[in-house]
Amino acid sequence: MLLQVAFSLLVLLACVGGIVLLAFMLTWQERGASAHERQRRLLTGVLPVAGGVVGILLGLFFLLMVVWSPGGTKLLARL
């Protein structure tokens, strides 16, 4: 049970970190000097990072649901 709670807190910390990273990327994108620069930053920086962060967070949520399933304590002990 303690491992499940610790893992849940770790996932919560990762979510906060993902939100902060996305906020930083959007701020960076908006500080482009021209409309063309902002569009280039969006396509080459913000969208790939956002896709990666969302993919990682979805994977963590799936793993969190597996850990909290009835057999999750045995799975977490093997990790």
Protein backbone atom coordinates (compact mmCIF):
# COMPACT_ATOMS: atom_id res chain seq x y z
CA MET A 1 0.00 0.00 0.00
CA LEU A 2 2.83 2.38 0.85
CA LEU A 3 4.49 1.74 -2.51
CA GLN A 4 1.23 2.51 -4.30
CA VAL A 5 0.84 5.82 -2.49
CA ALA A 6 4.47 6.74 -3.14
CA PHE A 7 4.08 5.90 -6.83
CA SER A 8 0.88 7.98 -6.96
CA LEU A 9 2.70 10.97 -5.50
CA LEU A 10 5.49 10.49 -8.04
CA VAL A 11 2.93 10.52 -10.87
CA LEU A 12 1.33 13.64 -9.41
CA LEU A 13 4.74 15.32 -9.34
CA ALA A 14 5.29 14.30 -12.97
CA CYS A 15 1.93 15.86 -13.90
CA VAL A 16 2.89 19.13 -12.27
CA GLY A 17 6.25 19.04 -14.04
CA GLY A 18 4.53 18.40 -17.37
CA ILE A 19 2.21 21.35 -16.86
CA VAL A 20 5.13 23.61 -15.98
CA LEU A 21 7.06 22.43 -19.05
CA LEU A 22 4.10 23.06 -21.34
CA ALA A 23 3.57 26.52 -19.83
CA PHE A 24 7.24 27.33 -20.41
CA MET A 25 7.08 26.14 -24.00
CA LEU A 26 3.96 28.21 -24.75
CA THR A 27 5.55 31.28 -23.18
CA TRP A 28 8.70 30.73 -25.24
CA GLN A 29 6.61 30.36 -28.40
CA GLU A 30 4.67 33.56 -27.77
CA ARG A 31 7.85 35.59 -27.32
CA GLY A 32 8.84 35.13 -30.94
CA ALA A 33 9.71 38.39 -32.71
CA SER A 34 7.37 37.93 -35.68
CA ALA A 35 4.35 35.88 -36.64
CA HIS A 36 6.56 33.67 -38.81
CA GLU A 37 8.94 33.05 -35.91
CA ARG A 38 6.04 32.19 -33.57
CA GLN A 39 4.64 29.75 -36.12
CA ARG A 40 8.05 28.13 -36.61
CA ARG A 41 8.48 27.77 -32.84
CA LEU A 42 5.02 26.24 -32.56
CA LEU A 43 5.65 23.66 -35.27
CA THR A 44 9.24 22.76 -34.38
CA GLY A 45 9.21 23.14 -30.61
CA VAL A 46 5.89 23.29 -28.86
CA LEU A 47 3.98 20.57 -30.71
CA PRO A 48 6.68 17.86 -30.49
CA VAL A 49 7.27 18.59 -26.80
CA ALA A 50 3.54 18.64 -26.08
CA GLY A 51 3.09 15.32 -27.88
CA GLY A 52 5.91 13.76 -25.88
CA VAL A 53 4.64 15.10 -22.56
CA VAL A 54 1.08 13.94 -23.24
CA GLY A 55 2.34 10.50 -24.28
CA ILE A 56 4.44 10.15 -21.13
CA LEU A 57 1.58 11.29 -18.90
CA LEU A 58 -0.86 8.88 -20.54
CA GLY A 59 1.61 6.06 -19.99
CA LEU A 60 2.03 7.05 -16.35
CA PHE A 61 -1.74 7.17 -15.84
CA PHE A 62 -2.08 3.70 -17.37
CA LEU A 63 0.68 2.38 -15.13
CA LEU A 64 -0.98 4.05 -12.15
CA MET A 65 -4.26 2.29 -12.90
CA VAL A 66 -2.42 -1.03 -13.22
CA VAL A 67 -0.65 -0.45 -9.90
CA TRP A 68 -3.95 0.26 -8.13
CA SER A 69 -5.61 -2.83 -9.63
CA PRO A 70 -6.17 -5.88 -7.39
CA GLY A 71 -2.90 -7.53 -8.45
CA GLY A 72 -0.98 -4.29 -8.66
CA THR A 73 1.02 -4.66 -5.47
CA LYS A 74 2.69 -7.80 -6.82
CA LEU A 75 3.46 -6.04 -10.10
CA LEU A 76 4.93 -3.03 -8.32
CA ALA A 77 7.04 -5.27 -6.09
CA ARG A 78 8.58 -6.85 -9.21
CA LEU A 79 9.53 -3.43 -10.64
